[in-house]
Amino acid sequence: MYEEAIAPAGATFLAGDSAWRGDFLFTVLRGEALYRLRLRGDEITAEEKLLDGDHGRLRTVVEGPDGAVYVLTSNQDGRGSPTGEDDRILRLTPPRASG
């Protein structure tokens, strides 16, 4: 599916009450993005690339009890002196479910 290595890291299925319910999200270190895949059975019906290169390497993604999506960056990785732009927790709010 991907022509170049993307180094997938963390992943989750979303269960909250949003338009993304049931979607599969995964972070990538090398590609520096969050991917959202919409699934129907075992088929991918849509793919969206989020946070594309905006925050560096993305380590993991989880859905919080508030329904928000939390993404952990991984830019310092134990090397050097961290700055205010390194190793942050990003919060995304998925769109509301229609209906």
C-alpha atoms as a PDB file:
ATOM      1  CA  MET A   1       0.000   0.000   0.000  1.00  0.00           C
ATOM      2  CA  TYR A   2       2.871   2.400   0.758  1.00  0.00           C
ATOM      3  CA  GLU A   3       5.716   2.711  -1.726  1.00  0.00           C
ATOM      4  CA  GLU A   4       8.290   3.901   0.815  1.00  0.00           C
ATOM      5  CA  ALA A   5       8.865   2.833   4.420  1.00  0.00           C
ATOM      6  CA  ILE A   6       6.756   4.864   6.847  1.00  0.00           C
ATOM      7  CA  ALA A   7       7.784   3.211  10.159  1.00  0.00           C
ATOM      8  CA  PRO A   8       4.360   2.721  11.760  1.00  0.00           C
ATOM      9  CA  ALA A   9       4.361   3.123  15.528  1.00  0.00           C
ATOM     10  CA  GLY A  10       1.140   3.367  17.595  1.00  0.00           C
ATOM     11  CA  ALA A  11      -2.374   2.486  16.488  1.00  0.00           C
ATOM     12  CA  THR A  12      -5.962   2.366  17.728  1.00  0.00           C
ATOM     13  CA  PHE A  13      -9.544   1.796  16.615  1.00  0.00           C
ATOM     14  CA  LEU A  14     -11.879   4.610  17.651  1.00  0.00           C
ATOM     15  CA  ALA A  15     -14.921   3.647  19.701  1.00  0.00           C
ATOM     16  CA  GLY A  16     -16.236   7.053  20.800  1.00  0.00           C
ATOM     17  CA  ASP A  17     -19.343   8.821  19.581  1.00  0.00           C
ATOM     18  CA  SER A  18     -17.873  10.708  16.619  1.00  0.00           C
ATOM     19  CA  ALA A  19     -17.898  10.610  12.828  1.00  0.00           C
ATOM     20  CA  TRP A  20     -14.663   8.607  13.092  1.00  0.00           C
ATOM     21  CA  ARG A  21     -16.209   5.765  15.141  1.00  0.00           C
ATOM     22  CA  GLY A  22     -14.782   2.428  13.960  1.00  0.00           C
ATOM     23  CA  ASP A  23     -11.921   4.060  12.044  1.00  0.00           C
ATOM     24  CA  PHE A  24      -8.345   2.836  12.433  1.00  0.00           C
ATOM     25  CA  LEU A  25      -5.734   5.481  13.302  1.00  0.00           C
ATOM     26  CA  PHE A  26      -1.989   4.930  13.266  1.00  0.00           C
ATOM     27  CA  THR A  27       1.074   7.095  13.695  1.00  0.00           C
ATOM     28  CA  VAL A  28       4.288   6.939  11.704  1.00  0.00           C
ATOM     29  CA  LEU A  29       7.785   7.942  12.726  1.00  0.00           C
ATOM     30  CA  ARG A  30       9.428   8.266   9.341  1.00  0.00           C
ATOM     31  CA  GLY A  31       6.472   9.754   7.513  1.00  0.00           C
ATOM     32  CA  GLU A  32       5.716  12.171  10.387  1.00  0.00           C
ATOM     33  CA  ALA A  33       1.949  11.832  10.054  1.00  0.00           C
ATOM     34  CA  LEU A  34      -1.220  10.393  11.532  1.00  0.00           C
ATOM     35  CA  TYR A  35      -3.239   8.198   9.175  1.00  0.00           C
ATOM     36  CA  ARG A  36      -6.974   7.558   9.442  1.00  0.00           C
ATOM     37  CA  LEU A  37      -8.374   4.553   7.627  1.00  0.00           C
ATOM     38  CA  ARG A  38     -12.110   4.005   7.169  1.00  0.00           C
ATOM     39  CA  LEU A  39     -12.898   0.314   6.973  1.00  0.00           C
ATOM     40  CA  ARG A  40     -15.792  -1.777   5.737  1.00  0.00           C
ATOM     41  CA  GLY A  41     -15.162  -5.344   6.830  1.00  0.00           C
ATOM     42  CA  ASP A  42     -11.606  -6.131   5.772  1.00  0.00           C
ATOM     43  CA  GLU A  43     -11.532  -3.462   3.040  1.00  0.00           C
ATOM     44  CA  ILE A  44     -10.077   0.062   3.326  1.00  0.00           C
ATOM     45  CA  THR A  45     -12.660   2.423   1.843  1.00  0.00           C
ATOM     46  CA  ALA A  46     -10.906   5.734   2.569  1.00  0.00           C
ATOM     47  CA  GLU A  47      -7.560   7.023   3.797  1.00  0.00           C
ATOM     48  CA  GLU A  48      -6.766  10.435   5.244  1.00  0.00           C
ATOM     49  CA  LYS A  49      -3.316  11.724   6.164  1.00  0.00           C
ATOM     50  CA  LEU A  50      -3.454  14.099   9.154  1.00  0.00           C
ATOM     51  CA  LEU A  51      -0.795  16.225  10.913  1.00  0.00           C
ATOM     52  CA  ASP A  52       1.369  15.683   7.841  1.00  0.00           C
ATOM     53  CA  GLY A  53       4.886  16.855   8.736  1.00  0.00           C
ATOM     54  CA  ASP A  54       3.554  19.498  11.129  1.00  0.00           C
ATOM     55  CA  HIS A  55       4.933  18.073  14.390  1.00  0.00           C
ATOM     56  CA  GLY A  56       7.810  15.748  13.517  1.00  0.00           C
ATOM     57  CA  ARG A  57       7.833  12.052  14.357  1.00  0.00           C
ATOM     58  CA  LEU A  58       4.614  10.724  15.867  1.00  0.00           C
ATOM     59  CA  ARG A  59       5.034   7.877  18.364  1.00  0.00           C
ATOM     60  CA  THR A  60       1.564   6.761  19.396  1.00  0.00           C
ATOM     61  CA  VAL A  61      -2.151   7.571  19.293  1.00  0.00           C
ATOM     62  CA  VAL A  62      -4.927   6.846  21.804  1.00  0.00           C
ATOM     63  CA  GLU A  63      -8.554   7.790  22.234  1.00  0.00           C
ATOM     64  CA  GLY A  64      -9.244   9.491  25.550  1.00  0.00           C
ATOM     65  CA  PRO A  65     -12.338   9.017  27.710  1.00  0.00           C
ATOM     66  CA  ASP A  66     -13.463  12.458  26.498  1.00  0.00           C
ATOM     67  CA  GLY A  67     -13.580  11.192  22.887  1.00  0.00           C
ATOM     68  CA  ALA A  68     -10.568  13.272  21.839  1.00  0.00           C
ATOM     69  CA  VAL A  69      -7.604  11.729  20.040  1.00  0.00           C
ATOM     70  CA  TYR A  70      -4.217  12.160  21.722  1.00  0.00           C
ATOM     71  CA  VAL A  71      -0.972  11.860  19.764  1.00  0.00           C
ATOM     72  CA  LEU A  72       2.495  11.721  21.335  1.00  0.00           C
ATOM     73  CA  THR A  73       5.387  13.207  19.367  1.00  0.00           C
ATOM     74  CA  SER A  74       8.836  11.616  19.484  1.00  0.00           C
ATOM     75  CA  ASN A  75      11.440  14.064  18.291  1.00  0.00           C
ATOM     76  CA  GLN A  76      14.091  14.047  21.015  1.00  0.00           C
ATOM     77  CA  ASP A  77      14.100  10.293  21.682  1.00  0.00           C
ATOM     78  CA  GLY A  78      16.662  10.637  24.494  1.00  0.00           C
ATOM     79  CA  ARG A  79      19.200  12.569  22.426  1.00  0.00           C
ATOM     80  CA  GLY A  80      20.416  16.082  23.089  1.00  0.00           C
ATOM     81  CA  SER A  81      18.622  18.769  25.048  1.00  0.00           C
ATOM     82  CA  PRO A  82      14.837  18.926  24.572  1.00  0.00           C
ATOM     83  CA  THR A  83      13.231  22.184  23.514  1.00  0.00           C
ATOM     84  CA  GLY A  84       9.652  23.394  23.874  1.00  0.00           C
ATOM     85  CA  GLU A  85       8.836  21.870  20.467  1.00  0.00           C
ATOM     86  CA  ASP A  86       9.966  18.339  21.364  1.00  0.00           C
ATOM     87  CA  ASP A  87       7.998  15.397  22.695  1.00  0.00           C
ATOM     88  CA  ARG A  88       4.556  16.917  23.086  1.00  0.00           C
ATOM     89  CA  ILE A  89       1.050  15.550  23.484  1.00  0.00           C
ATOM     90  CA  LEU A  90      -1.274  16.773  20.729  1.00  0.00           C
ATOM     91  CA  ARG A  91      -5.071  16.764  21.114  1.00  0.00           C
ATOM     92  CA  LEU A  92      -7.474  16.413  18.174  1.00  0.00           C
ATOM     93  CA  THR A  93     -11.244  16.540  18.366  1.00  0.00           C
ATOM     94  CA  PRO A  94     -12.895  14.272  15.771  1.00  0.00           C
ATOM     95  CA  PRO A  95     -15.971  15.698  14.031  1.00  0.00           C
ATOM     96  CA  ARG A  96     -19.319  14.941  15.636  1.00  0.00           C
ATOM     97  CA  ALA A  97     -21.344  12.045  14.325  1.00  0.00           C
ATOM     98  CA  SER A  98     -24.170  13.156  12.074  1.00  0.00           C
ATOM     99  CA  GLY A  99     -27.674  12.244  12.972  1.00  0.00           C
END
